[in-house]
Amino acid sequence: MSEAPSKAVNGSLSDKFRTLTSSKWLQVDLGASEPVTRVVVKHAALGGESATCNTKAFTIKTSTDGTTWTTVATVTGNTAAATTHPMNVTARYVRIEVTTPTQTTDQAARLYELEVY
């Protein structure tokens, strides 16, 4: 099974984006600047993995140009299978940067879905 970034935005919890790279992030291009009211992140437990694989710490950033980023959410100590992040911004790009990928020493980041509303 491919674990490419596109798997985190395909509307399915049957696959995921998974990475072991040192810089763990996923970016979505909305195609044009749009109002963004919330971002939902679906973590490992929703995909059937152990809750210990849920993303523990991450930031969500937005940008209108893909160069200048604004942090709109900072999460530390997450254990939930899904997290919802309300906001009121205009953005073309939305990025999630994972700082602590799991609840354990496992360094693989797993994102089952990144939903932008």
PDB file of N, CA and C in Angstrom:
ATOM      1  N   MET A   1       0.838  -1.180   0.000  1.00  0.00           N
ATOM      2  CA  MET A   1       0.000   0.000   0.000  1.00  0.00           C
ATOM      3  C   MET A   1       0.883   1.243   0.000  1.00  0.00           C
ATOM      4  N   SER A   2       0.578   2.165  -0.875  1.00  0.00           N
ATOM      5  CA  SER A   2       1.275   3.438  -0.918  1.00  0.00           C
ATOM      6  C   SER A   2       0.853   4.281   0.274  1.00  0.00           C
ATOM      7  N   GLU A   3       1.804   4.986   0.868  1.00  0.00           N
ATOM      8  CA  GLU A   3       1.507   5.857   1.999  1.00  0.00           C
ATOM      9  C   GLU A   3       1.901   7.297   1.660  1.00  0.00           C
ATOM     10  N   ALA A   4       1.585   7.696   0.436  1.00  0.00           N
ATOM     11  CA  ALA A   4       1.926   9.013  -0.104  1.00  0.00           C
ATOM     12  C   ALA A   4       1.050  10.097   0.516  1.00  0.00           C
ATOM     13  N   PRO A   5       1.480  11.359   0.437  1.00  0.00           N
ATOM     14  CA  PRO A   5       0.694  12.468   0.977  1.00  0.00           C
ATOM     15  C   PRO A   5      -0.747  12.507   0.457  1.00  0.00           C
ATOM     16  N   SER A   6      -0.966  12.114  -0.779  1.00  0.00           N
ATOM     17  CA  SER A   6      -2.318  12.147  -1.348  1.00  0.00           C
ATOM     18  C   SER A   6      -3.296  11.270  -0.569  1.00  0.00           C
ATOM     19  N   LYS A   7      -2.803  10.304   0.172  1.00  0.00           N
ATOM     20  CA  LYS A   7      -3.670   9.407   0.951  1.00  0.00           C
ATOM     21  C   LYS A   7      -4.350  10.135   2.104  1.00  0.00           C
ATOM     22  N   ALA A   8      -3.807  11.264   2.536  1.00  0.00           N
ATOM     23  CA  ALA A   8      -4.392  12.012   3.666  1.00  0.00           C
ATOM     24  C   ALA A   8      -5.478  12.985   3.228  1.00  0.00           C
ATOM     25  N   VAL A   9      -5.739  13.051   1.944  1.00  0.00           N
ATOM     26  CA  VAL A   9      -6.764  13.976   1.454  1.00  0.00           C
ATOM     27  C   VAL A   9      -7.714  13.302   0.460  1.00  0.00           C
ATOM     28  N   ASN A  10      -7.826  11.983   0.553  1.00  0.00           N
ATOM     29  CA  ASN A  10      -8.658  11.253  -0.411  1.00  0.00           C
ATOM     30  C   ASN A  10     -10.024  10.859   0.144  1.00  0.00           C
ATOM     31  N   GLY A  11     -10.341  11.284   1.375  1.00  0.00           N
ATOM     32  CA  GLY A  11     -11.646  10.994   1.945  1.00  0.00           C
ATOM     33  C   GLY A  11     -11.823   9.585   2.463  1.00  0.00           C
ATOM     34  N   SER A  12     -10.742   8.827   2.598  1.00  0.00           N
ATOM     35  CA  SER A  12     -10.834   7.443   3.033  1.00  0.00           C
ATOM     36  C   SER A  12      -9.990   7.205   4.279  1.00  0.00           C
ATOM     37  N   LEU A  13     -10.533   6.469   5.217  1.00  0.00           N
ATOM     38  CA  LEU A  13      -9.769   6.071   6.404  1.00  0.00           C
ATOM     39  C   LEU A  13      -9.137   4.694   6.224  1.00  0.00           C
ATOM     40  N   SER A  14      -9.201   4.142   5.015  1.00  0.00           N
ATOM     41  CA  SER A  14      -8.622   2.819   4.784  1.00  0.00           C
ATOM     42  C   SER A  14      -7.142   2.901   4.412  1.00  0.00           C
ATOM     43  N   ASP A  15      -6.618   4.110   4.251  1.00  0.00           N
ATOM     44  CA  ASP A  15      -5.190   4.287   3.987  1.00  0.00           C
ATOM     45  C   ASP A  15      -4.745   5.591   4.627  1.00  0.00           C
ATOM     46  N   LYS A  16      -3.448   5.873   4.539  1.00  0.00           N
ATOM     47  CA  LYS A  16      -2.890   7.012   5.270  1.00  0.00           C
ATOM     48  C   LYS A  16      -1.655   7.561   4.592  1.00  0.00           C
ATOM     49  N   PHE A  17      -1.285   8.769   5.033  1.00  0.00           N
ATOM     50  CA  PHE A  17       0.024   9.333   4.736  1.00  0.00           C
ATOM     51  C   PHE A  17       0.914   8.940   5.910  1.00  0.00           C
ATOM     52  N   ARG A  18       2.055   8.359   5.611  1.00  0.00           N
ATOM     53  CA  ARG A  18       3.002   7.945   6.645  1.00  0.00           C
ATOM     54  C   ARG A  18       4.385   8.357   6.198  1.00  0.00           C
ATOM     55  N   THR A  19       5.152   8.937   7.131  1.00  0.00           N
ATOM     56  CA  THR A  19       6.521   9.328   6.802  1.00  0.00           C
ATOM     57  C   THR A  19       7.436   9.147   8.002  1.00  0.00           C
ATOM     58  N   LEU A  20       8.669   8.812   7.713  1.00  0.00           N
ATOM     59  CA  LEU A  20       9.719   8.700   8.720  1.00  0.00           C
ATOM     60  C   LEU A  20      10.773   9.783   8.533  1.00  0.00           C
ATOM     61  N   THR A  21      10.561  10.698   7.605  1.00  0.00           N
ATOM     62  CA  THR A  21      11.550  11.743   7.353  1.00  0.00           C
ATOM     63  C   THR A  21      11.724  12.611   8.595  1.00  0.00           C
ATOM     64  N   SER A  22      12.831  13.308   8.683  1.00  0.00           N
ATOM     65  CA  SER A  22      13.076  14.153   9.856  1.00  0.00           C
ATOM     66  C   SER A  22      12.140  15.358   9.888  1.00  0.00           C
ATOM     67  N   SER A  23      11.754  15.862   8.732  1.00  0.00           N
ATOM     68  CA  SER A  23      10.805  16.972   8.634  1.00  0.00           C
ATOM     69  C   SER A  23       9.460  16.391   8.228  1.00  0.00           C
ATOM     70  N   LYS A  24       8.534  16.306   9.184  1.00  0.00           N
ATOM     71  CA  LYS A  24       7.258  15.631   8.954  1.00  0.00           C
ATOM     72  C   LYS A  24       6.153  16.668   8.766  1.00  0.00           C
ATOM     73  N   TRP A  25       5.737  16.880   7.515  1.00  0.00           N
ATOM     74  CA  TRP A  25       4.680  17.843   7.256  1.00  0.00           C
ATOM     75  C   TRP A  25       3.886  17.449   6.025  1.00  0.00           C
ATOM     76  N   LEU A  26       2.688  18.006   5.956  1.00  0.00           N
ATOM     77  CA  LEU A  26       1.786  17.781   4.839  1.00  0.00           C
ATOM     78  C   LEU A  26       1.131  19.113   4.515  1.00  0.00           C
ATOM     79  N   GLN A  27       1.107  19.457   3.247  1.00  0.00           N
ATOM     80  CA  GLN A  27       0.566  20.746   2.816  1.00  0.00           C
ATOM     81  C   GLN A  27      -0.515  20.526   1.774  1.00  0.00           C
ATOM     82  N   VAL A  28      -1.594  21.301   1.886  1.00  0.00           N
ATOM     83  CA  VAL A  28      -2.706  21.236   0.945  1.00  0.00           C
ATOM     84  C   VAL A  28      -2.827  22.582   0.240  1.00  0.00           C
ATOM     85  N   ASP A  29      -2.972  22.559  -1.084  1.00  0.00           N
ATOM     86  CA  ASP A  29      -3.205  23.754  -1.888  1.00  0.00           C
ATOM     87  C   ASP A  29      -4.685  23.775  -2.243  1.00  0.00           C
ATOM     88  N   LEU A  30      -5.390  24.796  -1.774  1.00  0.00           N
ATOM     89  CA  LEU A  30      -6.824  24.912  -2.042  1.00  0.00           C
ATOM     90  C   LEU A  30      -7.121  25.463  -3.432  1.00  0.00           C
ATOM     91  N   GLY A  31      -6.071  25.884  -4.152  1.00  0.00           N
ATOM     92  CA  GLY A  31      -6.236  26.367  -5.518  1.00  0.00           C
ATOM     93  C   GLY A  31      -6.444  27.865  -5.628  1.00  0.00           C
ATOM     94  N   ALA A  32      -6.964  28.472  -4.576  1.00  0.00           N
ATOM     95  CA  ALA A  32      -7.177  29.926  -4.497  1.00  0.00           C
ATOM     96  C   ALA A  32      -7.380  30.258  -3.029  1.00  0.00           C
ATOM     97  N   SER A  33      -7.190  31.508  -2.684  1.00  0.00           N
ATOM     98  CA  SER A  33      -7.446  31.916  -1.300  1.00  0.00           C
ATOM     99  C   SER A  33      -8.938  31.783  -1.011  1.00  0.00           C
ATOM    100  N   GLU A  34      -9.227  31.082   0.070  1.00  0.00           N
ATOM    101  CA  GLU A  34     -10.606  30.785   0.465  1.00  0.00           C
ATOM    102  C   GLU A  34     -10.763  31.021   1.966  1.00  0.00           C
ATOM    103  N   PRO A  35     -11.986  31.301   2.425  1.00  0.00           N
ATOM    104  CA  PRO A  35     -12.214  31.357   3.865  1.00  0.00           C
ATOM    105  C   PRO A  35     -12.050  29.951   4.458  1.00  0.00           C
ATOM    106  N   VAL A  36     -11.347  29.851   5.552  1.00  0.00           N
ATOM    107  CA  VAL A  36     -11.162  28.573   6.244  1.00  0.00           C
ATOM    108  C   VAL A  36     -11.709  28.737   7.654  1.00  0.00           C
ATOM    109  N   THR A  37     -12.661  27.883   8.023  1.00  0.00           N
ATOM    110  CA  THR A  37     -13.294  27.996   9.339  1.00  0.00           C
ATOM    111  C   THR A  37     -12.875  26.898  10.313  1.00  0.00           C
ATOM    112  N   ARG A  38     -12.355  25.796   9.787  1.00  0.00           N
ATOM    113  CA  ARG A  38     -11.852  24.741  10.673  1.00  0.00           C
ATOM    114  C   ARG A  38     -11.026  23.741   9.889  1.00  0.00           C
ATOM    115  N   VAL A  39     -10.170  23.076  10.632  1.00  0.00           N
ATOM    116  CA  VAL A  39      -9.368  21.979  10.098  1.00  0.00           C
ATOM    117  C   VAL A  39      -9.586  20.782  11.016  1.00  0.00           C
ATOM    118  N   VAL A  40      -9.840  19.638  10.414  1.00  0.00           N
ATOM    119  CA  VAL A  40     -10.016  18.399  11.167  1.00  0.00           C
ATOM    120  C   VAL A  40      -8.872  17.467  10.792  1.00  0.00           C
ATOM    121  N   VAL A  41      -8.213  16.924  11.807  1.00  0.00           N
ATOM    122  CA  VAL A  41      -7.134  15.967  11.591  1.00  0.00           C
ATOM    123  C   VAL A  41      -7.598  14.622  12.132  1.00  0.00           C
ATOM    124  N   LYS A  42      -7.527  13.606  11.288  1.00  0.00           N
ATOM    125  CA  LYS A  42      -7.902  12.251  11.703  1.00  0.00           C
ATOM    126  C   LYS A  42      -6.613  11.448  11.862  1.00  0.00           C
ATOM    127  N   HIS A  43      -6.415  10.994  13.084  1.00  0.00           N
ATOM    128  CA  HIS A  43      -5.171  10.343  13.478  1.00  0.00           C
ATOM    129  C   HIS A  43      -5.282   8.819  13.377  1.00  0.00           C
ATOM    130  N   ALA A  44      -4.242   8.124  13.804  1.00  0.00           N
ATOM    131  CA  ALA A  44      -4.075   6.687  13.583  1.00  0.00           C
ATOM    132  C   ALA A  44      -5.216   5.814  14.110  1.00  0.00           C
ATOM    133  N   ALA A  45      -5.734   6.105  15.290  1.00  0.00           N
ATOM    134  CA  ALA A  45      -6.763   5.244  15.881  1.00  0.00           C
ATOM    135  C   ALA A  45      -8.025   5.178  15.021  1.00  0.00           C
ATOM    136  N   LEU A  46      -8.335   6.259  14.284  1.00  0.00           N
ATOM    137  CA  LEU A  46      -9.501   6.219  13.399  1.00  0.00           C
ATOM    138  C   LEU A  46      -9.278   5.290  12.218  1.00  0.00           C
ATOM    139  N   GLY A  47      -8.021   5.044  11.894  1.00  0.00           N
ATOM    140  CA  GLY A  47      -7.697   4.138  10.796  1.00  0.00           C
ATOM    141  C   GLY A  47      -7.507   2.705  11.245  1.00  0.00           C
ATOM    142  N   GLY A  48      -7.740   2.437  12.539  1.00  0.00           N
ATOM    143  CA  GLY A  48      -7.636   1.068  13.043  1.00  0.00           C
ATOM    144  C   GLY A  48      -6.312   0.744  13.712  1.00  0.00           C
ATOM    145  N   GLU A  49      -5.411   1.715  13.790  1.00  0.00           N
ATOM    146  CA  GLU A  49      -4.143   1.475  14.484  1.00  0.00           C
ATOM    147  C   GLU A  49      -4.310   1.747  15.974  1.00  0.00           C
ATOM    148  N   SER A  50      -3.301   1.389  16.730  1.00  0.00           N
ATOM    149  CA  SER A  50      -3.300   1.635  18.166  1.00  0.00           C
ATOM    150  C   SER A  50      -3.357   3.133  18.441  1.00  0.00           C
ATOM    151  N   ALA A  51      -4.036   3.510  19.515  1.00  0.00           N
ATOM    152  CA  ALA A  51      -4.101   4.923  19.916  1.00  0.00           C
ATOM    153  C   ALA A  51      -2.723   5.464  20.270  1.00  0.00           C
ATOM    154  N   THR A  52      -1.769   4.598  20.540  1.00  0.00           N
ATOM    155  CA  THR A  52      -0.401   5.055  20.825  1.00  0.00           C
ATOM    156  C   THR A  52       0.249   5.651  19.579  1.00  0.00           C
ATOM    157  N   CYS A  53      -0.352   5.418  18.420  1.00  0.00           N
ATOM    158  CA  CYS A  53       0.168   5.981  17.166  1.00  0.00           C
ATOM    159  C   CYS A  53      -0.481   7.314  16.808  1.00  0.00           C
ATOM    160  N   ASN A  54      -1.436   7.795  17.606  1.00  0.00           N
ATOM    161  CA  ASN A  54      -2.040   9.106  17.350  1.00  0.00           C
ATOM    162  C   ASN A  54      -0.986  10.195  17.460  1.00  0.00           C
ATOM    163  N   THR A  55      -1.078  11.185  16.590  1.00  0.00           N
ATOM    164  CA  THR A  55      -0.124  12.294  16.574  1.00  0.00           C
ATOM    165  C   THR A  55      -0.193  13.034  17.903  1.00  0.00           C
ATOM    166  N   LYS A  56       0.946  13.143  18.586  1.00  0.00           N
ATOM    167  CA  LYS A  56       0.973  13.752  19.913  1.00  0.00           C
ATOM    168  C   LYS A  56       1.097  15.278  19.870  1.00  0.00           C
ATOM    169  N   ALA A  57       1.960  15.805  18.999  1.00  0.00           N
ATOM    170  CA  ALA A  57       2.172  17.255  18.944  1.00  0.00           C
ATOM    171  C   ALA A  57       2.344  17.704  17.495  1.00  0.00           C
ATOM    172  N   PHE A  58       1.672  18.825  17.169  1.00  0.00           N
ATOM    173  CA  PHE A  58       1.737  19.343  15.804  1.00  0.00           C
ATOM    174  C   PHE A  58       1.277  20.786  15.778  1.00  0.00           C
ATOM    175  N   THR A  59       1.594  21.464  14.679  1.00  0.00           N
ATOM    176  CA  THR A  59       1.077  22.806  14.437  1.00  0.00           C
ATOM    177  C   THR A  59       0.340  22.807  13.111  1.00  0.00           C
ATOM    178  N   ILE A  60      -0.642  23.688  13.024  1.00  0.00           N
ATOM    179  CA  ILE A  60      -1.343  23.917  11.766  1.00  0.00           C
ATOM    180  C   ILE A  60      -1.042  25.348  11.367  1.00  0.00           C
ATOM    181  N   LYS A  61      -0.605  25.509  10.123  1.00  0.00           N
ATOM    182  CA  LYS A  61      -0.249  26.828   9.605  1.00  0.00           C
ATOM    183  C   LYS A  61      -1.028  27.094   8.329  1.00  0.00           C
ATOM    184  N   THR A  62      -1.258  28.387   8.053  1.00  0.00           N
ATOM    185  CA  THR A  62      -1.933  28.774   6.817  1.00  0.00           C
ATOM    186  C   THR A  62      -1.113  29.837   6.104  1.00  0.00           C
ATOM    187  N   SER A  63      -1.354  29.947   4.800  1.00  0.00           N
ATOM    188  CA  SER A  63      -0.636  30.922   3.982  1.00  0.00           C
ATOM    189  C   SER A  63      -1.494  31.296   2.781  1.00  0.00           C
ATOM    190  N   THR A  64      -1.352  32.516   2.321  1.00  0.00           N
ATOM    191  CA  THR A  64      -2.019  32.918   1.080  1.00  0.00           C
ATOM    192  C   THR A  64      -1.078  32.796  -0.113  1.00  0.00           C
ATOM    193  N   ASP A  65       0.244  32.719   0.154  1.00  0.00           N
ATOM    194  CA  ASP A  65       1.219  32.692  -0.944  1.00  0.00           C
ATOM    195  C   ASP A  65       2.164  31.490  -0.935  1.00  0.00           C
ATOM    196  N   GLY A  66       2.096  30.635   0.073  1.00  0.00           N
ATOM    197  CA  GLY A  66       2.985  29.475   0.144  1.00  0.00           C
ATOM    198  C   GLY A  66       4.371  29.810   0.643  1.00  0.00           C
ATOM    199  N   THR A  67       4.606  31.060   1.015  1.00  0.00           N
ATOM    200  CA  THR A  67       5.916  31.494   1.503  1.00  0.00           C
ATOM    201  C   THR A  67       5.847  31.992   2.942  1.00  0.00           C
ATOM    202  N   THR A  68       4.884  32.856   3.216  1.00  0.00           N
ATOM    203  CA  THR A  68       4.701  33.411   4.550  1.00  0.00           C
ATOM    204  C   THR A  68       3.609  32.623   5.260  1.00  0.00           C
ATOM    205  N   TRP A  69       3.950  32.041   6.412  1.00  0.00           N
ATOM    206  CA  TRP A  69       3.041  31.155   7.131  1.00  0.00           C
ATOM    207  C   TRP A  69       2.623  31.764   8.460  1.00  0.00           C
ATOM    208  N   THR A  70       1.375  31.525   8.833  1.00  0.00           N
ATOM    209  CA  THR A  70       0.837  31.945  10.121  1.00  0.00           C
ATOM    210  C   THR A  70       0.377  30.703  10.876  1.00  0.00           C
ATOM    211  N   THR A  71       0.853  30.543  12.107  1.00  0.00           N
ATOM    212  CA  THR A  71       0.421  29.420  12.939  1.00  0.00           C
ATOM    213  C   THR A  71      -0.976  29.718  13.466  1.00  0.00           C
ATOM    214  N   VAL A  72      -1.917  28.820  13.190  1.00  0.00           N
ATOM    215  CA  VAL A  72      -3.302  29.004  13.632  1.00  0.00           C
ATOM    216  C   VAL A  72      -3.688  28.018  14.728  1.00  0.00           C
ATOM    217  N   ALA A  73      -2.880  26.983  14.935  1.00  0.00           N
ATOM    218  CA  ALA A  73      -3.137  26.022  16.012  1.00  0.00           C
ATOM    219  C   ALA A  73      -1.826  25.349  16.400  1.00  0.00           C
ATOM    220  N   THR A  74      -1.630  25.226  17.692  1.00  0.00           N
ATOM    221  CA  THR A  74      -0.486  24.480  18.228  1.00  0.00           C
ATOM    222  C   THR A  74      -1.041  23.461  19.210  1.00  0.00           C
ATOM    223  N   VAL A  75      -0.730  22.197  18.978  1.00  0.00           N
ATOM    224  CA  VAL A  75      -1.254  21.121  19.798  1.00  0.00           C
ATOM    225  C   VAL A  75      -0.092  20.374  20.439  1.00  0.00           C
ATOM    226  N   THR A  76      -0.183  20.171  21.750  1.00  0.00           N
ATOM    227  CA  THR A  76       0.794  19.357  22.473  1.00  0.00           C
ATOM    228  C   THR A  76       0.019  18.400  23.365  1.00  0.00           C
ATOM    229  N   GLY A  77       0.513  17.212  23.521  1.00  0.00           N
ATOM    230  CA  GLY A  77      -0.122  16.249  24.415  1.00  0.00           C
ATOM    231  C   GLY A  77      -1.409  15.636  23.894  1.00  0.00           C
ATOM    232  N   ASN A  78      -1.640  15.673  22.584  1.00  0.00           N
ATOM    233  CA  ASN A  78      -2.856  15.071  22.033  1.00  0.00           C
ATOM    234  C   ASN A  78      -2.840  13.556  22.195  1.00  0.00           C
ATOM    235  N   THR A  79      -3.999  12.994  22.550  1.00  0.00           N
ATOM    236  CA  THR A  79      -4.190  11.547  22.554  1.00  0.00           C
ATOM    237  C   THR A  79      -5.421  11.148  21.744  1.00  0.00           C
ATOM    238  N   ALA A  80      -6.184  12.129  21.279  1.00  0.00           N
ATOM    239  CA  ALA A  80      -7.456  11.880  20.590  1.00  0.00           C
ATOM    240  C   ALA A  80      -7.248  11.289  19.195  1.00  0.00           C
ATOM    241  N   ALA A  81      -8.238  10.546  18.752  1.00  0.00           N
ATOM    242  CA  ALA A  81      -8.207   9.946  17.417  1.00  0.00           C
ATOM    243  C   ALA A  81      -8.535  10.958  16.324  1.00  0.00           C
ATOM    244  N   ALA A  82      -9.261  12.020  16.692  1.00  0.00           N
ATOM    245  CA  ALA A  82      -9.576  13.102  15.755  1.00  0.00           C
ATOM    246  C   ALA A  82      -9.518  14.413  16.523  1.00  0.00           C
ATOM    247  N   THR A  83      -9.002  15.437  15.865  1.00  0.00           N
ATOM    248  CA  THR A  83      -8.949  16.758  16.482  1.00  0.00           C
ATOM    249  C   THR A  83      -9.561  17.770  15.521  1.00  0.00           C
ATOM    250  N   THR A  84     -10.306  18.716  16.089  1.00  0.00           N
ATOM    251  CA  THR A  84     -10.942  19.768  15.309  1.00  0.00           C
ATOM    252  C   THR A  84     -10.386  21.103  15.764  1.00  0.00           C
ATOM    253  N   HIS A  85     -10.001  21.937  14.796  1.00  0.00           N
ATOM    254  CA  HIS A  85      -9.335  23.200  15.078  1.00  0.00           C
ATOM    255  C   HIS A  85     -10.096  24.337  14.406  1.00  0.00           C
ATOM    256  N   PRO A  86     -10.974  25.025  15.165  1.00  0.00           N
ATOM    257  CA  PRO A  86     -11.718  26.146  14.607  1.00  0.00           C
ATOM    258  C   PRO A  86     -10.795  27.325  14.313  1.00  0.00           C
ATOM    259  N   MET A  87     -11.103  28.072  13.271  1.00  0.00           N
ATOM    260  CA  MET A  87     -10.327  29.259  12.914  1.00  0.00           C
ATOM    261  C   MET A  87     -11.183  30.137  12.022  1.00  0.00           C
ATOM    262  N   ASN A  88     -10.730  31.324  11.810  1.00  0.00           N
ATOM    263  CA  ASN A  88     -11.422  32.250  10.909  1.00  0.00           C
ATOM    264  C   ASN A  88     -10.347  32.980  10.117  1.00  0.00           C
ATOM    265  N   VAL A  89      -9.874  32.356   9.045  1.00  0.00           N
ATOM    266  CA  VAL A  89      -8.780  32.903   8.244  1.00  0.00           C
ATOM    267  C   VAL A  89      -9.106  32.774   6.766  1.00  0.00           C
ATOM    268  N   THR A  90      -8.336  33.472   5.956  1.00  0.00           N
ATOM    269  CA  THR A  90      -8.357  33.280   4.515  1.00  0.00           C
ATOM    270  C   THR A  90      -7.017  32.686   4.136  1.00  0.00           C
ATOM    271  N   ALA A  91      -7.051  31.587   3.395  1.00  0.00           N
ATOM    272  CA  ALA A  91      -5.803  30.896   3.055  1.00  0.00           C
ATOM    273  C   ALA A  91      -5.933  30.162   1.731  1.00  0.00           C
ATOM    274  N   ARG A  92      -4.814  30.038   1.059  1.00  0.00           N
ATOM    275  CA  ARG A  92      -4.742  29.159  -0.112  1.00  0.00           C
ATOM    276  C   ARG A  92      -4.095  27.843   0.281  1.00  0.00           C
ATOM    277  N   TYR A  93      -3.160  27.905   1.219  1.00  0.00           N
ATOM    278  CA  TYR A  93      -2.407  26.724   1.649  1.00  0.00           C
ATOM    279  C   TYR A  93      -2.659  26.450   3.121  1.00  0.00           C
ATOM    280  N   VAL A  94      -2.786  25.177   3.450  1.00  0.00           N
ATOM    281  CA  VAL A  94      -2.894  24.742   4.838  1.00  0.00           C
ATOM    282  C   VAL A  94      -1.848  23.653   5.031  1.00  0.00           C
ATOM    283  N   ARG A  95      -1.089  23.788   6.116  1.00  0.00           N
ATOM    284  CA  ARG A  95       0.004  22.850   6.376  1.00  0.00           C
ATOM    285  C   ARG A  95      -0.088  22.337   7.807  1.00  0.00           C
ATOM    286  N   ILE A  96       0.161  21.054   7.979  1.00  0.00           N
ATOM    287  CA  ILE A  96       0.320  20.478   9.305  1.00  0.00           C
ATOM    288  C   ILE A  96       1.775  20.045   9.439  1.00  0.00           C
ATOM    289  N   GLU A  97       2.409  20.475  10.511  1.00  0.00           N
ATOM    290  CA  GLU A  97       3.795  20.111  10.806  1.00  0.00           C
ATOM    291  C   GLU A  97       3.797  19.297  12.086  1.00  0.00           C
ATOM    292  N   VAL A  98       4.231  18.058  11.991  1.00  0.00           N
ATOM    293  CA  VAL A  98       4.236  17.143  13.128  1.00  0.00           C
ATOM    294  C   VAL A  98       5.552  17.298  13.883  1.00  0.00           C
ATOM    295  N   THR A  99       5.451  17.564  15.181  1.00  0.00           N
ATOM    296  CA  THR A  99       6.655  17.698  16.009  1.00  0.00           C
ATOM    297  C   THR A  99       6.900  16.459  16.861  1.00  0.00           C
ATOM    298  N   THR A 100       5.843  15.805  17.329  1.00  0.00           N
ATOM    299  CA  THR A 100       5.964  14.525  18.046  1.00  0.00           C
ATOM    300  C   THR A 100       4.961  13.573  17.410  1.00  0.00           C
ATOM    301  N   PRO A 101       5.436  12.588  16.647  1.00  0.00           N
ATOM    302  CA  PRO A 101       4.539  11.793  15.816  1.00  0.00           C
ATOM    303  C   PRO A 101       3.629  10.805  16.551  1.00  0.00           C
ATOM    304  N   THR A 102       4.049  10.308  17.719  1.00  0.00           N
ATOM    305  CA  THR A 102       3.246   9.288  18.406  1.00  0.00           C
ATOM    306  C   THR A 102       3.319   9.486  19.917  1.00  0.00           C
ATOM    307  N   GLN A 103       2.637   8.616  20.621  1.00  0.00           N
ATOM    308  CA  GLN A 103       2.647   8.619  22.088  1.00  0.00           C
ATOM    309  C   GLN A 103       3.861   7.870  22.638  1.00  0.00           C
ATOM    310  N   THR A 104       4.599   7.206  21.762  1.00  0.00           N
ATOM    311  CA  THR A 104       5.745   6.372  22.149  1.00  0.00           C
ATOM    312  C   THR A 104       7.007   6.912  21.473  1.00  0.00           C
ATOM    313  N   THR A 105       8.017   6.075  21.378  1.00  0.00           N
ATOM    314  CA  THR A 105       9.260   6.460  20.700  1.00  0.00           C
ATOM    315  C   THR A 105       9.205   6.208  19.195  1.00  0.00           C
ATOM    316  N   ASP A 106       8.099   5.667  18.703  1.00  0.00           N
ATOM    317  CA  ASP A 106       7.902   5.433  17.271  1.00  0.00           C
ATOM    318  C   ASP A 106       7.982   6.787  16.551  1.00  0.00           C
ATOM    319  N   GLN A 107       8.840   6.913  15.576  1.00  0.00           N
ATOM    320  CA  GLN A 107       9.061   8.179  14.879  1.00  0.00           C
ATOM    321  C   GLN A 107       8.296   8.315  13.566  1.00  0.00           C
ATOM    322  N   ALA A 108       7.400   7.393  13.268  1.00  0.00           N
ATOM    323  CA  ALA A 108       6.614   7.481  12.033  1.00  0.00           C
ATOM    324  C   ALA A 108       5.380   8.343  12.261  1.00  0.00           C
ATOM    325  N   ALA A 109       5.239   9.403  11.474  1.00  0.00           N
ATOM    326  CA  ALA A 109       4.033  10.226  11.516  1.00  0.00           C
ATOM    327  C   ALA A 109       2.976   9.570  10.637  1.00  0.00           C
ATOM    328  N   ARG A 110       1.752   9.511  11.159  1.00  0.00           N
ATOM    329  CA  ARG A 110       0.627   8.908  10.432  1.00  0.00           C
ATOM    330  C   ARG A 110      -0.526   9.893  10.444  1.00  0.00           C
ATOM    331  N   LEU A 111      -0.976  10.282   9.267  1.00  0.00           N
ATOM    332  CA  LEU A 111      -2.137  11.150   9.146  1.00  0.00           C
ATOM    333  C   LEU A 111      -3.121  10.461   8.214  1.00  0.00           C
ATOM    334  N   TYR A 112      -4.277  10.116   8.758  1.00  0.00           N
ATOM    335  CA  TYR A 112      -5.270   9.400   7.945  1.00  0.00           C
ATOM    336  C   TYR A 112      -6.093  10.360   7.105  1.00  0.00           C
ATOM    337  N   GLU A 113      -6.402  11.543   7.622  1.00  0.00           N
ATOM    338  CA  GLU A 113      -7.112  12.550   6.832  1.00  0.00           C
ATOM    339  C   GLU A 113      -6.807  13.929   7.382  1.00  0.00           C
ATOM    340  N   LEU A 114      -6.661  14.868   6.473  1.00  0.00           N
ATOM    341  CA  LEU A 114      -6.554  16.287   6.792  1.00  0.00           C
ATOM    342  C   LEU A 114      -7.693  16.958   6.040  1.00  0.00           C
ATOM    343  N   GLU A 115      -8.690  17.420   6.786  1.00  0.00           N
ATOM    344  CA  GLU A 115      -9.874  18.020   6.190  1.00  0.00           C
ATOM    345  C   GLU A 115      -9.876  19.515   6.447  1.00  0.00           C
ATOM    346  N   VAL A 116     -10.082  20.295   5.396  1.00  0.00           N
ATOM    347  CA  VAL A 116     -10.106  21.762   5.513  1.00  0.00           C
ATOM    348  C   VAL A 116     -11.517  22.225   5.122  1.00  0.00           C
ATOM    349  N   TYR A 117     -12.128  22.994   6.009  1.00  0.00           N
ATOM    350  CA  TYR A 117     -13.483  23.517   5.772  1.00  0.00           C
ATOM    351  C   TYR A 117     -13.471  25.021   5.721  1.00  0.00           C
TER     352      TYR A 117
END
